[in-house]
Protein backbone atom coordinates (compact mmCIF):
# COMPACT_ATOMS: atom_id res chain seq x y z
CA MET A 1 27.37 -5.37 -40.03
CA ALA A 2 29.08 -7.88 -42.29
CA GLY A 3 30.72 -9.30 -39.19
CA LEU A 4 27.34 -9.87 -37.58
CA LYS A 5 25.99 -11.53 -40.71
CA ASN A 6 28.98 -13.89 -40.88
CA TYR A 7 28.64 -14.63 -37.18
CA LEU A 8 24.98 -15.59 -37.47
CA PHE A 9 25.45 -17.47 -40.74
CA GLN A 10 27.81 -19.94 -39.07
CA PHE A 11 24.77 -21.32 -37.23
CA LEU A 12 22.86 -21.96 -40.48
CA THR A 13 23.06 -24.98 -42.75
CA GLU A 14 24.73 -24.50 -46.12
CA GLU A 15 21.38 -25.13 -47.79
CA ARG A 16 19.69 -22.38 -45.74
CA LYS A 17 22.52 -19.90 -46.41
CA GLU A 18 22.31 -20.53 -50.16
CA LYS A 19 18.53 -20.09 -50.05
CA PHE A 20 18.82 -16.79 -48.18
CA GLU A 21 21.43 -15.43 -50.61
CA LYS A 22 19.30 -16.44 -53.58
CA VAL A 23 15.98 -15.08 -52.30
CA VAL A 24 17.34 -11.73 -51.13
CA LYS A 25 18.41 -10.91 -54.72
CA TYR A 26 14.72 -10.79 -55.70
CA ARG A 27 13.55 -8.71 -52.74
CA THR A 28 12.23 -5.22 -53.46
CA ARG A 29 11.14 -2.04 -51.75
CA HIS A 30 10.32 -0.43 -55.09
CA MET A 31 6.78 -1.72 -54.57
CA THR A 32 5.20 -1.96 -51.14
CA VAL A 33 1.75 -2.90 -49.84
CA VAL A 34 -0.59 -1.12 -47.43
CA LEU A 35 -3.61 -2.73 -45.75
CA GLU A 36 -6.15 -0.35 -44.21
CA ASP A 37 -8.33 -1.75 -41.43
CA ILE A 38 -8.48 -5.35 -42.59
CA TYR A 39 -10.54 -7.25 -40.00
CA GLN A 40 -10.48 -10.86 -41.19
CA PRO A 41 -7.24 -12.56 -40.02
CA HIS A 42 -7.12 -14.97 -42.95
CA ASN A 43 -7.14 -12.07 -45.43
CA ALA A 44 -4.32 -10.17 -43.75
CA SER A 45 -2.38 -13.42 -43.38
CA ALA A 46 -2.83 -14.35 -47.03
CA VAL A 47 -1.47 -10.95 -48.08
CA VAL A 48 1.65 -11.45 -45.93
CA ARG A 49 2.20 -14.75 -47.69
CA SER A 50 1.72 -13.18 -51.13
CA CYS A 51 4.20 -10.42 -50.29
CA ASP A 52 6.81 -13.04 -49.46
CA CYS A 53 6.05 -15.11 -52.55
CA PHE A 54 6.42 -12.11 -54.88
CA GLY A 55 9.45 -10.59 -53.15
CA VAL A 56 7.83 -7.56 -51.50
CA GLN A 57 9.88 -6.88 -48.39
CA ASP A 58 7.60 -4.43 -46.55
CA LEU A 59 3.93 -4.62 -45.58
CA HIS A 60 2.26 -1.66 -43.88
CA ILE A 61 -0.74 -2.30 -41.63
CA ILE A 62 -3.11 0.55 -40.71
CA GLU A 63 -5.17 -0.18 -37.60
CA ASN A 64 -7.88 2.42 -37.02
CA ASP A 65 -10.91 0.34 -36.04
CA ASN A 66 -9.60 -3.20 -36.50
CA GLN A 67 -6.59 -4.77 -34.82
CA TYR A 68 -4.15 -6.64 -37.03
CA ARG A 69 -4.19 -10.38 -36.35
CA ILE A 70 -2.62 -13.24 -38.26
CA ASN A 71 -3.56 -16.84 -38.85
CA PRO A 72 -0.36 -18.94 -38.63
CA GLN A 73 -1.96 -21.70 -40.69
CA VAL A 74 -2.33 -19.21 -43.57
CA THR A 75 0.94 -17.30 -43.26
CA MET A 76 2.98 -20.55 -43.26
CA GLY A 77 5.87 -18.77 -41.53
CA SER A 78 6.00 -15.87 -44.00
CA THR A 79 5.93 -13.31 -41.15
CA LYS A 80 9.61 -14.19 -40.55
CA TRP A 81 10.57 -13.00 -44.03
CA VAL A 82 8.43 -9.88 -44.52
CA ASP A 83 8.96 -6.66 -42.54
CA ILE A 84 5.58 -5.70 -41.07
CA HIS A 85 5.07 -2.05 -40.09
CA GLN A 86 2.03 -1.37 -37.91
CA TYR A 87 0.36 2.03 -37.53
CA ASN A 88 -1.84 1.99 -34.44
CA GLU A 89 -0.66 4.72 -32.09
CA LYS A 90 -2.15 7.87 -33.62
CA GLU A 91 -5.68 9.20 -33.78
CA ASN A 92 -5.46 9.01 -37.56
CA ASN A 93 -3.22 6.12 -38.52
CA THR A 94 -4.12 6.30 -42.22
CA ILE A 95 -2.63 9.78 -42.63
CA ASP A 96 0.37 8.79 -40.51
CA CYS A 97 1.13 5.81 -42.76
CA LEU A 98 0.51 7.43 -46.15
CA ARG A 99 2.44 10.59 -45.41
CA ALA A 100 5.35 8.58 -44.05
CA LEU A 101 5.42 6.62 -47.31
CA LYS A 102 5.22 9.81 -49.38
CA ALA A 103 8.17 11.20 -47.41
CA GLN A 104 10.12 8.09 -48.51
CA GLY A 105 9.32 8.83 -52.15
CA TYR A 106 6.40 6.46 -52.67
CA LYS A 107 3.54 7.22 -55.04
CA ILE A 108 0.24 6.21 -53.38
CA VAL A 109 -1.77 3.86 -55.60
CA ALA A 110 -5.26 3.31 -54.23
CA THR A 111 -7.00 0.17 -55.43
CA SER A 112 -10.69 0.69 -56.16
CA PRO A 113 -13.19 -0.72 -58.68
CA HIS A 114 -15.01 2.64 -58.67
CA LYS A 115 -12.26 4.87 -60.04
CA ASP A 116 -11.01 5.10 -63.63
CA ASP A 117 -7.43 6.38 -63.51
CA CYS A 118 -5.91 3.17 -64.87
CA ASN A 119 -6.24 -0.59 -65.06
CA LEU A 120 -3.71 -2.92 -63.46
CA GLU A 121 -1.95 -3.55 -66.79
CA GLU A 122 -1.52 0.19 -67.39
CA LEU A 123 0.08 1.16 -64.07
CA PRO A 124 3.60 2.52 -64.65
CA VAL A 125 6.34 1.05 -62.44
CA ASP A 126 9.20 3.45 -63.10
CA GLU A 127 8.67 5.19 -59.73
CA LYS A 128 8.39 3.67 -56.26
CA PHE A 129 4.76 2.99 -55.39
CA ALA A 130 2.60 1.74 -52.53
CA LEU A 131 -0.50 -0.33 -53.28
CA VAL A 132 -3.28 0.47 -50.81
CA PHE A 133 -6.05 -2.07 -50.18
CA GLY A 134 -9.08 -1.12 -48.09
CA THR A 135 -11.27 -2.94 -45.63
CA GLU A 136 -13.29 -5.92 -46.84
CA LEU A 137 -16.77 -4.38 -47.04
CA THR A 138 -16.30 -0.73 -47.91
CA GLY A 139 -12.84 -0.60 -49.50
CA ILE A 140 -10.45 2.31 -49.15
CA SER A 141 -11.42 5.19 -46.87
CA ASP A 142 -12.14 8.77 -47.92
CA LEU A 143 -8.75 9.73 -46.44
CA VAL A 144 -6.98 7.31 -48.77
CA LYS A 145 -8.93 8.78 -51.68
CA GLN A 146 -7.80 12.27 -50.67
CA GLU A 147 -4.13 11.26 -50.37
CA ALA A 148 -3.95 8.96 -53.41
CA ASP A 149 -1.78 9.92 -56.36
CA VAL A 150 -3.41 7.37 -58.65
CA PHE A 151 -6.40 5.01 -58.58
CA MET A 152 -6.04 1.54 -60.04
CA LYS A 153 -8.55 -1.22 -60.67
CA ILE A 154 -8.39 -4.82 -61.83
CA PRO A 155 -10.36 -5.38 -65.07
CA MET A 156 -13.40 -7.56 -64.42
CA TYR A 157 -15.96 -9.03 -66.81
CA GLY A 158 -18.55 -10.66 -64.55
CA PHE A 159 -21.42 -9.54 -62.34
CA THR A 160 -19.49 -9.46 -59.06
CA GLU A 161 -18.17 -6.01 -58.18
CA SER A 162 -14.80 -6.93 -56.72
CA PHE A 163 -12.41 -9.71 -55.74
CA ASN A 164 -11.72 -10.80 -52.19
CA ILE A 165 -8.97 -8.56 -50.74
CA SER A 166 -6.38 -11.34 -50.59
CA VAL A 167 -7.13 -12.38 -54.17
CA SER A 168 -6.87 -8.76 -55.34
CA ALA A 169 -3.49 -8.38 -53.67
CA ALA A 170 -2.18 -11.63 -55.15
CA LEU A 171 -3.30 -10.69 -58.67
CA CYS A 172 -1.73 -7.24 -58.42
CA LEU A 173 1.55 -8.49 -56.97
CA HIS A 174 1.86 -11.26 -59.56
CA HIS A 175 1.43 -8.87 -62.47
CA LEU A 176 3.40 -5.94 -61.07
CA SER A 177 6.35 -7.94 -59.75
CA SER A 178 6.81 -9.44 -63.21
CA LYS A 179 6.52 -6.01 -64.80
CA ILE A 180 9.07 -4.54 -62.37
CA HIS A 181 11.59 -7.31 -63.03
CA GLN A 182 11.35 -6.64 -66.76
CA SER A 183 11.70 -2.87 -66.34
CA GLU A 184 14.77 -0.69 -66.04
CA ALA A 185 13.66 0.66 -62.65
CA PRO A 186 16.18 0.19 -59.79
CA TRP A 187 13.94 -2.30 -58.00
CA GLU A 188 16.57 -4.39 -56.18
CA LEU A 189 17.52 -3.77 -52.57
CA THR A 190 20.79 -1.92 -52.09
CA ALA A 191 23.80 -3.91 -50.89
CA GLN A 192 23.30 -2.53 -47.37
CA GLU A 193 19.60 -3.34 -47.39
CA GLN A 194 20.34 -6.90 -48.49
CA GLU A 195 22.87 -7.22 -45.68
CA ASP A 196 20.34 -5.95 -43.12
CA VAL A 197 17.63 -8.30 -44.38
CA LEU A 198 19.96 -11.30 -44.28
CA ILE A 199 20.91 -10.50 -40.69
CA ASP A 200 17.26 -10.22 -39.72
CA TRP A 201 16.35 -13.51 -41.41
CA ALA A 202 19.24 -15.28 -39.73
CA ARG A 203 18.34 -13.77 -36.34
CA LYS A 204 14.77 -15.05 -36.67
CA THR A 205 15.90 -18.47 -37.85
CA VAL A 206 18.75 -19.58 -35.57
CA HIS A 207 18.13 -20.80 -32.04
CA ASN A 208 18.30 -17.91 -29.54
CA GLY A 209 18.96 -15.47 -32.35
CA ASP A 210 18.32 -12.36 -30.26
CA LEU A 211 20.74 -13.57 -27.60
CA LEU A 212 23.40 -14.27 -30.22
CA VAL A 213 23.03 -10.74 -31.62
CA GLU A 214 23.36 -9.33 -28.09
CA GLU A 215 26.41 -11.50 -27.45
CA PHE A 216 28.06 -10.31 -30.69
CA GLY A 217 27.40 -6.70 -29.75
CA LYS A 218 29.13 -7.12 -26.39
CA ARG A 219 32.13 -8.72 -28.08
CA GLU A 220 32.42 -5.76 -30.45
CA GLU A 221 32.31 -3.11 -27.70
């Protein structure tokens, strides 16, 4: 795969290559984000952008009743840098997503203002965890509540019950990404994961990237 990365990188500017190499060092799969049935495109799009800004490489989208849509004016191109995993082919996509994450070693952290397990500042980050945010009006589903390992809430001191979903995600990612970076948890991507991400970024960036990857594959056969 190193050969493919070097092949694609020759089509990038030196400035872009340096940026890629710098950014990938701060990417993580130690923390991931799950959105369940978000129906407002600007909210889902804002979360994609926050994931990129705070170095979260994977975003998981559960589509039971609402189809995932993005607003390009909000994402500002961040969909090129974040790996988006959509769950929309099963009768129960919530269970499909959460159990897949558990199989990968993730602790399911359900965000809810109505549960008292811990506040944002108290959430431990020594283990891999997935932050689950529910739909705009009703929050996380009963299925998420059943599957959750921990419930987390953001401390609030006003009359309003909760933040907008995109604001909640940004607040959580800001605090937890900083906490992860200061911890001793193995939060960085492995060398192979970094290589794979760099290839994917280059493929999405260079002109006719998919064709170049196909051409390289034929040359290597």
